[in-house]
């Protein structure tokens, strides 16, 4: 249940950024740019990009799980569903809080579904895989990924604004904080050994 709540909230947070109209997250900007060039919906592009990112797991030896497959499908579907019902507020006084809430919700959703320990999604698996392979903190790895994706999305014509830049620098710390909150603490030395194999446990050591 935690897995699918987290994935649904992740897709919803992406749609909230679109509704705020102050700039998408880096991945959202990439998806929007690709959607405009291909004629596909953002949800459809999200699914296709997720499948492509899975190929990047091969050199970093990241293993997929139920959460990985679910992420590819659920996030895109949730994004399209939320976009179909969300209004697009015009007042800046509404759009700014909406943008901030979307970014915080995205960070919380990331920790929620990764801590469920069914395997991270394609994008977050890239983050956790690079974290383990390079021994760099989640904050640094996630920020570098987001900045790289942001530059690509901008080049493709995705919407970039204050929300995009804020997301790029805030999502790493938010994801790490969320993982600390939602990852269960081991009750014994044996459970600590088992937990150390999970993405959440590896991240919490940083």
Foldseek 3Di string as FASTA:
>chain_A
DLQLVLLLLLLLLQLLLVLLVFFGALVSLQLVLVCVVPVHDSLVSQLVVLVVLQVVCVVLVQDAFPSAVCNSRNSSVSNVVNNVPDHRDDDNVVSVVSLVVSLLSNLLSLLRNLLVQRGHYSVVSVLLSCCVVVVDASLVSQLVVRVVSNVNSVVSPGGGHPSHVCSSNPNSVSNLVSLVVRHDDDPDPVSLVVCCVGSSSVNPVD
